[in-house]
C-alpha atoms as a PDB file:
ATOM      1  CA  MET A   1     125.515  84.323 212.317  1.00  0.00           C
ATOM      2  CA  ALA A   2     123.271  85.479 209.382  1.00  0.00           C
ATOM      3  CA  GLY A   3     125.916  87.826 207.842  1.00  0.00           C
ATOM      4  CA  ALA A   4     128.302  84.807 208.234  1.00  0.00           C
ATOM      5  CA  THR A   5     125.760  82.430 206.260  1.00  0.00           C
ATOM      6  CA  ALA A   6     125.433  85.145 203.530  1.00  0.00           C
ATOM      7  CA  SER A   7     128.873  85.386 202.885  1.00  0.00           C
ATOM      8  CA  CYS A   8     129.460  81.431 202.619  1.00  0.00           C
ATOM      9  CA  GLU A   9     126.362  81.439 199.863  1.00  0.00           C
ATOM     10  CA  ALA A  10     127.683  80.320 196.677  1.00  0.00           C
ATOM     11  CA  GLN A  11     127.705  83.200 193.834  1.00  0.00           C
ATOM     12  CA  PRO A  12     126.036  82.760 190.718  1.00  0.00           C
ATOM     13  CA  LEU A  13     127.854  81.480 187.488  1.00  0.00           C
ATOM     14  CA  ARG A  14     129.069  84.413 185.491  1.00  0.00           C
ATOM     15  CA  VAL A  15     127.902  83.532 181.964  1.00  0.00           C
ATOM     16  CA  ALA A  16     128.968  85.191 178.739  1.00  0.00           C
ATOM     17  CA  VAL A  17     126.790  84.761 175.320  1.00  0.00           C
ATOM     18  CA  LEU A  18     128.299  85.166 171.997  1.00  0.00           C
ATOM     19  CA  VAL A  19     125.871  86.242 169.208  1.00  0.00           C
ATOM     20  CA  SER A  20     125.537  86.678 165.604  1.00  0.00           C
ATOM     21  CA  GLY A  21     121.864  87.249 165.068  1.00  0.00           C
ATOM     22  CA  GLU A  22     118.254  87.443 166.796  1.00  0.00           C
ATOM     23  CA  GLY A  23     119.532  86.318 170.045  1.00  0.00           C
ATOM     24  CA  THR A  24     116.537  83.822 170.853  1.00  0.00           C
ATOM     25  CA  ASN A  25     118.699  81.567 172.910  1.00  0.00           C
ATOM     26  CA  LEU A  26     120.114  84.404 174.698  1.00  0.00           C
ATOM     27  CA  GLN A  27     116.544  85.546 175.700  1.00  0.00           C
ATOM     28  CA  ALA A  28     115.872  82.161 176.903  1.00  0.00           C
ATOM     29  CA  LEU A  29     119.040  82.367 179.174  1.00  0.00           C
ATOM     30  CA  LEU A  30     117.670  85.786 180.214  1.00  0.00           C
ATOM     31  CA  ASP A  31     114.316  84.602 181.053  1.00  0.00           C
ATOM     32  CA  GLY A  32     115.137  81.106 182.262  1.00  0.00           C
ATOM     33  CA  VAL A  33     118.565  81.387 184.348  1.00  0.00           C
ATOM     34  CA  HIS A  34     119.406  85.086 184.634  1.00  0.00           C
ATOM     35  CA  GLY A  35     119.646  86.138 188.043  1.00  0.00           C
ATOM     36  CA  ASP A  36     119.451  82.715 189.739  1.00  0.00           C
ATOM     37  CA  GLU A  37     122.179  80.174 189.712  1.00  0.00           C
ATOM     38  CA  ALA A  38     123.549  81.940 186.604  1.00  0.00           C
ATOM     39  CA  GLN A  39     124.193  85.522 185.599  1.00  0.00           C
ATOM     40  CA  VAL A  40     124.678  86.669 182.217  1.00  0.00           C
ATOM     41  CA  VAL A  41     127.327  89.248 182.565  1.00  0.00           C
ATOM     42  CA  ALA A  42     128.432  90.112 178.979  1.00  0.00           C
ATOM     43  CA  VAL A  43     126.920  89.607 175.421  1.00  0.00           C
ATOM     44  CA  GLY A  44     129.591  89.847 172.645  1.00  0.00           C
ATOM     45  CA  ALA A  45     128.600  89.747 168.795  1.00  0.00           C
ATOM     46  CA  ASP A  46     130.695  89.808 165.493  1.00  0.00           C
ATOM     47  CA  ARG A  47     127.948  92.099 163.683  1.00  0.00           C
ATOM     48  CA  PRO A  48     127.584  95.796 165.203  1.00  0.00           C
ATOM     49  CA  GLN A  49     123.513  95.427 163.901  1.00  0.00           C
ATOM     50  CA  ALA A  50     122.975  91.975 165.723  1.00  0.00           C
ATOM     51  CA  PRO A  51     119.314  92.325 167.242  1.00  0.00           C
ATOM     52  CA  ALA A  52     120.708  90.056 169.960  1.00  0.00           C
ATOM     53  CA  LEU A  53     122.858  92.990 171.024  1.00  0.00           C
ATOM     54  CA  ALA A  54     119.513  95.039 171.961  1.00  0.00           C
ATOM     55  CA  ARG A  55     118.445  92.171 174.201  1.00  0.00           C
ATOM     56  CA  GLY A  56     121.421  92.551 176.217  1.00  0.00           C
ATOM     57  CA  ARG A  57     121.497  96.318 176.600  1.00  0.00           C
ATOM     58  CA  GLN A  58     117.807  96.166 177.584  1.00  0.00           C
ATOM     59  CA  ALA A  59     118.602  93.717 180.065  1.00  0.00           C
ATOM     60  CA  GLY A  60     121.229  96.078 181.660  1.00  0.00           C
ATOM     61  CA  ILE A  61     124.190  93.677 180.601  1.00  0.00           C
ATOM     62  CA  PRO A  62     127.483  94.912 179.035  1.00  0.00           C
ATOM     63  CA  THR A  63     127.567  94.339 175.459  1.00  0.00           C
ATOM     64  CA  GLY A  64     130.814  94.068 172.995  1.00  0.00           C
ATOM     65  CA  VAL A  65     131.008  94.166 169.394  1.00  0.00           C
ATOM     66  CA  PHE A  66     133.913  92.838 167.695  1.00  0.00           C
ATOM     67  CA  PRO A  67     133.695  92.702 163.758  1.00  0.00           C
ATOM     68  CA  GLN A  68     136.335  90.878 162.127  1.00  0.00           C
ATOM     69  CA  ASP A  69     137.151  93.756 159.735  1.00  0.00           C
ATOM     70  CA  ALA A  70     138.600  95.760 162.777  1.00  0.00           C
ATOM     71  CA  TYR A  71     141.371  93.282 163.273  1.00  0.00           C
ATOM     72  CA  ILE A  72     144.230  91.875 161.488  1.00  0.00           C
ATOM     73  CA  ASP A  73     143.102  88.276 161.567  1.00  0.00           C
ATOM     74  CA  ARG A  74     140.934  85.853 163.577  1.00  0.00           C
ATOM     75  CA  VAL A  75     143.499  85.334 166.447  1.00  0.00           C
ATOM     76  CA  ALA A  76     143.838  89.125 167.013  1.00  0.00           C
ATOM     77  CA  ARG A  77     139.833  89.420 167.203  1.00  0.00           C
ATOM     78  CA  ASP A  78     139.567  86.393 169.388  1.00  0.00           C
ATOM     79  CA  PHE A  79     142.475  87.860 171.641  1.00  0.00           C
ATOM     80  CA  ALA A  80     140.234  90.878 172.184  1.00  0.00           C
ATOM     81  CA  ILE A  81     137.125  88.978 172.850  1.00  0.00           C
ATOM     82  CA  SER A  82     139.025  87.111 175.686  1.00  0.00           C
ATOM     83  CA  ALA A  83     140.488  90.223 177.203  1.00  0.00           C
ATOM     84  CA  TRP A  84     137.145  91.564 177.169  1.00  0.00           C
ATOM     85  CA  LEU A  85     135.583  88.265 178.752  1.00  0.00           C
ATOM     86  CA  GLN A  86     138.228  88.209 181.330  1.00  0.00           C
ATOM     87  CA  ASP A  87     137.789  91.757 182.392  1.00  0.00           C
ATOM     88  CA  GLN A  88     133.707  90.825 183.166  1.00  0.00           C
ATOM     89  CA  ARG A  89     135.199  87.530 185.077  1.00  0.00           C
ATOM     90  CA  VAL A  90     133.360  85.257 182.803  1.00  0.00           C
ATOM     91  CA  GLN A  91     133.387  81.595 183.945  1.00  0.00           C
ATOM     92  CA  LEU A  92     131.539  80.076 181.042  1.00  0.00           C
ATOM     93  CA  ILE A  93     130.682  81.170 177.443  1.00  0.00           C
ATOM     94  CA  VAL A  94     127.535  80.219 175.563  1.00  0.00           C
ATOM     95  CA  LEU A  95     128.132  80.481 171.774  1.00  0.00           C
ATOM     96  CA  ALA A  96     124.001  81.302 170.859  1.00  0.00           C
ATOM     97  CA  GLY A  97     123.804  81.496 167.445  1.00  0.00           C
ATOM     98  CA  TYR A  98     127.665  82.474 166.949  1.00  0.00           C
ATOM     99  CA  MET A  99     128.455  82.228 163.028  1.00  0.00           C
ATOM    100  CA  ALA A 100     131.983  83.353 163.272  1.00  0.00           C
ATOM    101  CA  LEU A 101     134.734  80.704 163.370  1.00  0.00           C
ATOM    102  CA  LEU A 102     136.853  80.863 166.552  1.00  0.00           C
ATOM    103  CA  SER A 103     140.536  80.417 166.563  1.00  0.00           C
ATOM    104  CA  GLU A 104     142.381  77.404 167.956  1.00  0.00           C
ATOM    105  CA  GLU A 105     143.748  79.711 170.612  1.00  0.00           C
ATOM    106  CA  PHE A 106     140.574  80.739 171.846  1.00  0.00           C
ATOM    107  CA  THR A 107     138.876  77.263 172.279  1.00  0.00           C
ATOM    108  CA  VAL A 108     142.071  76.146 173.919  1.00  0.00           C
ATOM    109  CA  ALA A 109     142.038  79.206 176.176  1.00  0.00           C
ATOM    110  CA  TRP A 110     138.541  78.561 177.159  1.00  0.00           C
ATOM    111  CA  ARG A 111     138.588  74.516 176.828  1.00  0.00           C
ATOM    112  CA  GLY A 112     135.999  73.026 179.119  1.00  0.00           C
ATOM    113  CA  ARG A 113     134.198  76.545 179.601  1.00  0.00           C
ATOM    114  CA  LEU A 114     132.685  77.155 175.886  1.00  0.00           C
ATOM    115  CA  ILE A 115     129.552  75.543 175.018  1.00  0.00           C
ATOM    116  CA  ASN A 116     127.651  75.534 172.012  1.00  0.00           C
ATOM    117  CA  VAL A 117     124.007  74.533 171.086  1.00  0.00           C
ATOM    118  CA  HIS A 118     123.642  72.935 167.626  1.00  0.00           C
ATOM    119  CA  PRO A 119     120.067  72.058 165.733  1.00  0.00           C
ATOM    120  CA  SER A 120     121.012  68.237 165.163  1.00  0.00           C
ATOM    121  CA  LEU A 121     121.789  65.183 166.706  1.00  0.00           C
ATOM    122  CA  LEU A 122     125.508  65.241 166.677  1.00  0.00           C
ATOM    123  CA  PRO A 123     127.954  63.751 165.689  1.00  0.00           C
ATOM    124  CA  ALA A 124     125.116  63.796 162.524  1.00  0.00           C
ATOM    125  CA  PHE A 125     124.941  67.107 160.656  1.00  0.00           C
ATOM    126  CA  PRO A 126     127.614  69.174 161.916  1.00  0.00           C
ATOM    127  CA  GLY A 127     128.125  72.526 160.536  1.00  0.00           C
ATOM    128  CA  LEU A 128     126.072  74.886 158.429  1.00  0.00           C
ATOM    129  CA  ARG A 129     122.410  74.260 157.600  1.00  0.00           C
ATOM    130  CA  ALA A 130     122.280  71.115 159.905  1.00  0.00           C
ATOM    131  CA  ILE A 131     118.370  70.973 159.402  1.00  0.00           C
ATOM    132  CA  ARG A 132     118.797  71.254 155.555  1.00  0.00           C
ATOM    133  CA  GLN A 133     121.212  68.552 155.564  1.00  0.00           C
ATOM    134  CA  ALA A 134     119.089  66.399 157.510  1.00  0.00           C
ATOM    135  CA  LEU A 135     116.086  66.998 155.539  1.00  0.00           C
ATOM    136  CA  ASP A 136     118.196  66.125 152.365  1.00  0.00           C
ATOM    137  CA  TYR A 137     119.146  63.072 154.113  1.00  0.00           C
ATOM    138  CA  GLY A 138     115.740  62.031 154.415  1.00  0.00           C
ATOM    139  CA  VAL A 139     115.676  61.555 158.582  1.00  0.00           C
ATOM    140  CA  LYS A 140     112.563  61.323 160.150  1.00  0.00           C
ATOM    141  CA  VAL A 141     114.206  62.153 163.664  1.00  0.00           C
ATOM    142  CA  PHE A 142     115.308  65.401 164.393  1.00  0.00           C
ATOM    143  CA  GLY A 143     116.769  67.071 167.406  1.00  0.00           C
ATOM    144  CA  VAL A 144     119.272  69.457 169.449  1.00  0.00           C
ATOM    145  CA  SER A 145     122.722  68.880 171.078  1.00  0.00           C
ATOM    146  CA  VAL A 146     124.440  70.914 173.386  1.00  0.00           C
ATOM    147  CA  HIS A 147     127.957  70.291 173.703  1.00  0.00           C
ATOM    148  CA  LEU A 148     131.736  71.486 174.458  1.00  0.00           C
ATOM    149  CA  VAL A 149     133.523  73.327 171.801  1.00  0.00           C
ATOM    150  CA  ASP A 150     137.092  72.267 170.843  1.00  0.00           C
ATOM    151  CA  GLY A 151     138.917  72.915 167.559  1.00  0.00           C
ATOM    152  CA  GLY A 152     136.722  71.166 165.196  1.00  0.00           C
ATOM    153  CA  VAL A 153     133.305  71.956 163.915  1.00  0.00           C
ATOM    154  CA  ASP A 154     130.918  70.883 166.380  1.00  0.00           C
ATOM    155  CA  THR A 155     133.208  67.995 167.479  1.00  0.00           C
ATOM    156  CA  GLY A 156     133.345  68.381 171.098  1.00  0.00           C
ATOM    157  CA  GLN A 157     131.785  66.505 173.794  1.00  0.00           C
ATOM    158  CA  ILE A 158     128.219  66.141 173.976  1.00  0.00           C
ATOM    159  CA  LEU A 159     126.482  67.312 177.180  1.00  0.00           C
ATOM    160  CA  ALA A 160     122.789  67.081 176.392  1.00  0.00           C
ATOM    161  CA  GLN A 161     120.696  66.098 173.684  1.00  0.00           C
ATOM    162  CA  CYS A 162     116.900  65.870 172.738  1.00  0.00           C
ATOM    163  CA  ALA A 163     115.275  64.173 169.969  1.00  0.00           C
ATOM    164  CA  VAL A 164     111.869  64.457 168.459  1.00  0.00           C
ATOM    165  CA  ASP A 165     109.878  62.676 165.576  1.00  0.00           C
ATOM    166  CA  LEU A 166     108.899  64.515 162.559  1.00  0.00           C
ATOM    167  CA  PRO A 167     108.298  62.007 159.887  1.00  0.00           C
ATOM    168  CA  SER A 168     106.207  64.133 157.390  1.00  0.00           C
ATOM    169  CA  ALA A 169     108.709  67.413 157.825  1.00  0.00           C
ATOM    170  CA  ARG A 170     109.772  68.902 154.364  1.00  0.00           C
ATOM    171  CA  GLN A 171     110.635  72.643 155.183  1.00  0.00           C
ATOM    172  CA  GLU A 172     113.605  74.144 157.392  1.00  0.00           C
ATOM    173  CA  GLY A 173     111.009  76.526 158.739  1.00  0.00           C
ATOM    174  CA  GLU A 174     108.689  74.020 160.171  1.00  0.00           C
ATOM    175  CA  VAL A 175     111.479  72.000 161.898  1.00  0.00           C
ATOM    176  CA  HIS A 176     113.049  75.138 163.114  1.00  0.00           C
ATOM    177  CA  ALA A 177     109.770  75.975 164.877  1.00  0.00           C
ATOM    178  CA  VAL A 178     109.478  72.563 166.402  1.00  0.00           C
ATOM    179  CA  LEU A 179     113.169  72.255 167.707  1.00  0.00           C
ATOM    180  CA  ARG A 180     113.617  76.298 168.917  1.00  0.00           C
ATOM    181  CA  PRO A 181     111.652  75.397 172.233  1.00  0.00           C
ATOM    182  CA  LEU A 182     113.747  72.140 172.819  1.00  0.00           C
ATOM    183  CA  GLU A 183     116.892  74.122 172.181  1.00  0.00           C
ATOM    184  CA  HIS A 184     115.956  76.850 174.582  1.00  0.00           C
ATOM    185  CA  ALA A 185     114.912  74.415 177.027  1.00  0.00           C
ATOM    186  CA  LEU A 186     117.910  72.281 176.907  1.00  0.00           C
ATOM    187  CA  LEU A 187     120.326  75.084 176.884  1.00  0.00           C
ATOM    188  CA  CYS A 188     119.267  76.290 179.981  1.00  0.00           C
ATOM    189  CA  ASP A 189     119.275  73.278 181.743  1.00  0.00           C
ATOM    190  CA  VAL A 190     122.625  72.510 180.902  1.00  0.00           C
ATOM    191  CA  VAL A 191     123.708  76.255 182.165  1.00  0.00           C
ATOM    192  CA  ARG A 192     121.932  75.517 185.355  1.00  0.00           C
ATOM    193  CA  ARG A 193     123.857  71.865 186.088  1.00  0.00           C
ATOM    194  CA  TYR A 194     127.009  73.591 184.919  1.00  0.00           C
ATOM    195  CA  ALA A 195     126.594  76.193 187.724  1.00  0.00           C
ATOM    196  CA  ARG A 196     125.624  73.504 189.987  1.00  0.00           C
ATOM    197  CA  GLY A 197     128.783  71.662 189.422  1.00  0.00           C
ATOM    198  CA  GLN A 198     127.001  68.655 187.636  1.00  0.00           C
ATOM    199  CA  VAL A 199     128.901  68.496 184.459  1.00  0.00           C
ATOM    200  CA  ARG A 200     131.991  66.404 184.800  1.00  0.00           C
ATOM    201  CA  PRO A 201     134.128  64.020 182.514  1.00  0.00           C
ATOM    202  CA  ASP A 202     133.026  60.398 182.769  1.00  0.00           C
ATOM    203  CA  PRO A 203     136.085  58.546 183.994  1.00  0.00           C
ATOM    204  CA  GLU A 204     135.119  55.159 182.213  1.00  0.00           C
ATOM    205  CA  HIS A 205     134.804  57.051 178.883  1.00  0.00           C
ATOM    206  CA  PRO A 206     137.219  59.675 177.457  1.00  0.00           C
ATOM    207  CA  ARG A 207     134.630  61.371 174.953  1.00  0.00           C
ATOM    208  CA  ARG A 208     131.359  61.370 177.426  1.00  0.00           C
ATOM    209  CA  MET A 209     130.707  63.936 179.949  1.00  0.00           C
ATOM    210  CA  LEU A 210     128.366  63.238 182.762  1.00  0.00           C
ATOM    211  CA  VAL A 211     125.666  65.887 183.366  1.00  0.00           C
ATOM    212  CA  GLY A 212     123.529  65.726 186.526  1.00  0.00           C
END
Protein backbone atom coordinates (compact mmCIF):
# COMPACT_ATOMS: atom_id res chain seq x y z
CA MET A 1 0.00 0.00 0.00
CA ALA A 2 2.82 2.38 0.80
CA GLY A 3 4.29 1.98 -2.68
CA ALA A 4 0.89 2.59 -4.29
CA THR A 5 0.43 5.74 -2.25
CA ALA A 6 3.86 7.06 -3.22
CA SER A 7 3.20 6.46 -6.91
CA CYS A 8 0.06 8.63 -6.72
CA GLU A 9 1.81 11.60 -5.15
CA ALA A 10 1.80 14.73 -7.27
CA GLN A 11 5.10 15.48 -8.96
CA PRO A 12 6.67 18.93 -8.48
CA LEU A 13 5.87 21.53 -11.12
CA ARG A 14 8.73 21.65 -13.61
CA VAL A 15 9.85 25.27 -13.88
CA ALA A 16 12.27 26.98 -16.26
CA VAL A 17 13.73 30.39 -15.50
CA LEU A 18 14.92 32.72 -18.26
CA VAL A 19 17.47 35.32 -17.16
CA SER A 20 19.73 38.06 -18.46
CA GLY A 21 21.57 39.36 -15.41
CA GLU A 22 22.39 38.69 -11.76
CA GLY A 23 19.57 36.23 -11.14
CA THR A 24 18.33 37.39 -7.74
CA ASN A 25 14.80 36.26 -8.61
CA LEU A 26 16.20 32.92 -9.72
CA GLN A 27 17.97 32.63 -6.38
CA ALA A 28 14.73 33.44 -4.57
CA LEU A 29 13.01 30.59 -6.41
CA LEU A 30 15.89 28.23 -5.64
CA ASP A 31 15.74 29.16 -1.97
CA GLY A 32 11.97 29.42 -1.67
CA VAL A 33 10.28 26.79 -3.85
CA HIS A 34 12.90 24.56 -5.50
CA GLY A 35 12.54 20.95 -4.46
CA ASP A 36 9.18 21.40 -2.81
CA GLU A 37 6.01 21.92 -4.83
CA ALA A 38 8.08 23.15 -7.76
CA GLN A 39 11.40 22.12 -9.25
CA VAL A 40 13.61 24.44 -11.28
CA VAL A 41 14.73 22.17 -14.11
CA ALA A 42 16.25 24.65 -16.57
CA VAL A 43 17.93 28.07 -16.55
CA GLY A 44 18.24 29.80 -19.90
CA ALA A 45 19.94 33.08 -20.73
CA ASP A 46 20.42 35.38 -23.70
CA ARG A 47 23.82 36.55 -22.40
CA PRO A 48 26.70 34.07 -22.01
CA GLN A 49 28.20 36.07 -19.13
CA ALA A 50 24.99 36.41 -17.11
CA PRO A 51 25.91 35.72 -13.45
CA ALA A 52 22.56 33.96 -13.06
CA LEU A 53 23.92 31.04 -15.08
CA ALA A 54 26.45 30.35 -12.34
CA ARG A 55 23.64 30.21 -9.80
CA GLY A 56 21.91 27.58 -11.88
CA ARG A 57 25.06 25.52 -12.39
CA GLN A 58 25.89 25.68 -8.70
CA ALA A 59 22.47 24.21 -7.98
CA GLY A 60 23.07 21.42 -10.49
CA ILE A 61 20.43 22.68 -12.92
CA PRO A 62 20.85 22.35 -16.71
CA THR A 63 21.64 25.71 -18.30
CA GLY A 64 21.41 26.96 -21.86
CA VAL A 65 22.66 30.11 -23.59
CA PHE A 66 20.82 31.56 -26.57
CA PRO A 67 22.47 34.80 -27.76
CA GLN A 68 20.57 36.61 -30.48
CA ASP A 69 23.61 36.89 -32.74
CA ALA A 70 23.79 33.10 -32.98
CA TYR A 71 20.47 32.94 -34.85
CA ILE A 72 19.14 34.37 -38.08
CA ASP A 73 16.31 36.16 -36.27
CA ARG A 74 14.29 36.27 -33.06
CA VAL A 75 11.86 33.58 -34.24
CA ALA A 76 14.73 31.13 -34.87
CA ARG A 77 16.25 31.86 -31.46
CA ASP A 78 12.93 31.41 -29.68
CA PHE A 79 12.28 28.18 -31.56
CA ALA A 80 15.59 26.86 -30.21
CA ILE A 81 14.72 27.97 -26.68
CA SER A 82 11.29 26.38 -26.91
CA ALA A 83 12.69 23.08 -28.19
CA TRP A 84 15.22 23.01 -25.35
CA LEU A 85 12.52 23.70 -22.75
CA GLN A 86 10.35 20.97 -24.20
CA ASP A 87 13.28 18.56 -23.90
CA GLN A 88 13.40 19.48 -20.18
CA ARG A 89 9.62 18.79 -19.93
CA VAL A 90 9.02 22.30 -18.63
CA GLN A 91 5.51 23.13 -17.42
CA LEU A 92 5.97 26.78 -16.40
CA ILE A 93 8.42 29.45 -17.60
CA VAL A 94 9.39 32.35 -15.35
CA LEU A 95 10.94 35.45 -16.89
CA ALA A 96 13.22 36.69 -14.11
CA GLY A 97 14.98 39.77 -15.36
CA TYR A 98 14.98 38.41 -18.91
CA MET A 99 15.59 41.44 -21.12
CA ALA A 100 15.30 39.93 -24.60
CA LEU A 101 12.05 40.46 -26.47
CA LEU A 102 10.13 37.27 -27.17
CA SER A 103 8.52 36.49 -30.49
CA GLU A 104 4.76 36.15 -30.87
CA GLU A 105 5.28 32.53 -31.85
CA PHE A 106 6.91 31.85 -28.48
CA THR A 107 4.32 33.66 -26.36
CA VAL A 108 1.48 31.91 -28.19
CA ALA A 109 3.11 28.48 -27.82
CA TRP A 110 3.55 28.96 -24.06
CA ARG A 111 0.37 30.94 -23.39
CA GLY A 112 -0.85 30.45 -19.84
CA ARG A 113 2.49 28.88 -18.87
CA LEU A 114 4.67 31.99 -19.11
CA ILE A 115 4.91 34.54 -16.29
CA ASN A 116 6.91 37.68 -15.65
CA VAL A 117 7.71 39.81 -12.61
CA HIS A 118 7.70 43.58 -13.16
CA PRO A 119 8.68 46.40 -10.74
CA SER A 120 5.51 48.50 -10.98
CA LEU A 121 1.82 48.30 -10.28
CA LEU A 122 0.69 47.43 -13.77
CA PRO A 123 -0.85 48.67 -15.97
CA ALA A 124 1.11 51.72 -14.79
CA PHE A 125 4.70 52.07 -16.02
CA PRO A 126 5.19 49.08 -18.32
CA GLY A 127 8.42 48.42 -20.18
CA LEU A 128 11.97 49.40 -19.34
CA ARG A 129 13.03 51.48 -16.31
CA ALA A 130 9.66 51.21 -14.62
CA ILE A 131 10.96 52.63 -11.35
CA ARG A 132 12.47 55.64 -13.15
CA GLN A 133 9.15 56.18 -14.92
CA ALA A 134 7.32 56.12 -11.58
CA LEU A 135 9.76 58.54 -9.96
CA ASP A 136 9.50 60.94 -12.89
CA TYR A 137 5.71 60.82 -12.63
CA GLY A 138 5.92 61.70 -8.95
CA VAL A 139 4.10 58.70 -7.49
CA LYS A 140 4.23 58.02 -3.76
CA VAL A 141 3.15 54.36 -3.92
CA PHE A 142 5.38 51.84 -5.70
CA GLY A 143 4.93 48.14 -6.23
CA VAL A 144 5.52 44.84 -7.96
CA SER A 145 3.34 42.81 -10.33
CA VAL A 146 3.50 39.18 -11.43
CA HIS A 147 1.58 38.63 -14.65
CA LEU A 148 1.02 36.23 -17.49
CA VAL A 149 2.92 37.12 -20.65
CA ASP A 150 1.14 37.81 -23.91
CA GLY A 151 2.25 39.49 -27.14
CA GLY A 152 2.32 43.01 -25.65
CA VAL A 153 4.74 44.79 -23.34
CA ASP A 154 3.68 43.88 -19.79
CA THR A 155 0.05 43.67 -20.90
CA GLY A 156 -0.78 40.12 -19.80
CA GLN A 157 -3.31 39.25 -17.13
CA ILE A 158 -2.16 40.22 -13.64
CA LEU A 159 -1.75 37.36 -11.19
CA ALA A 160 -0.61 39.20 -8.05
CA GLN A 161 0.55 42.61 -6.90
CA CYS A 162 2.14 44.14 -3.83
CA ALA A 163 2.37 47.86 -3.01
CA VAL A 164 4.42 49.95 -0.61
CA ASP A 165 4.27 53.62 0.39
CA LEU A 166 7.53 55.48 -0.33
CA PRO A 167 6.49 59.15 -0.29
CA SER A 168 10.02 60.49 0.12
CA ALA A 169 11.77 58.26 -2.44
CA ARG A 170 13.91 60.09 -5.00
CA GLN A 171 16.41 57.52 -6.30
CA GLU A 172 15.89 54.34 -8.29
CA GLY A 173 18.30 52.42 -6.08
CA GLU A 174 16.45 53.12 -2.87
CA VAL A 175 13.12 52.11 -4.40
CA HIS A 176 14.59 48.95 -5.89
CA ALA A 177 16.12 47.98 -2.54
CA VAL A 178 12.66 48.09 -0.95
CA LEU A 179 10.91 46.34 -3.84
CA ARG A 180 13.43 43.52 -4.27
CA PRO A 181 12.34 41.39 -1.26
CA LEU A 182 8.69 42.04 -2.11
CA GLU A 183 9.37 40.90 -5.66
CA HIS A 184 11.03 37.71 -4.46
CA ALA A 185 8.25 36.84 -2.04
CA LEU A 186 5.46 37.58 -4.52
CA LEU A 187 7.07 35.55 -7.30
CA CYS A 188 7.61 32.54 -5.05
CA ASP A 189 4.04 32.73 -3.80
CA VAL A 190 2.62 32.79 -7.34
CA VAL A 191 4.76 29.83 -8.43
CA ARG A 192 3.62 27.83 -5.39
CA ARG A 193 -0.01 28.61 -6.14
CA TYR A 194 0.48 27.74 -9.79
CA ALA A 195 1.93 24.39 -8.71
CA ARG A 196 -1.15 23.77 -6.55
CA GLY A 197 -3.49 24.49 -9.45
CA GLN A 198 -4.74 27.67 -7.80
CA VAL A 199 -4.22 29.97 -10.80
CA ARG A 200 -7.30 30.00 -13.02
CA PRO A 201 -9.40 32.39 -15.12
CA ASP A 202 -12.22 34.34 -13.49
CA PRO A 203 -15.41 33.28 -15.34
CA GLU A 204 -16.97 36.66 -14.55
CA HIS A 205 -14.14 38.81 -15.94
CA PRO A 206 -12.13 38.06 -19.12
CA ARG A 207 -9.08 40.02 -17.95
CA ARG A 208 -8.94 38.72 -14.39
CA MET A 209 -7.14 35.66 -13.08
CA LEU A 210 -8.06 34.09 -9.76
CA VAL A 211 -5.08 33.12 -7.61
CA GLY A 212 -5.71 31.08 -4.50
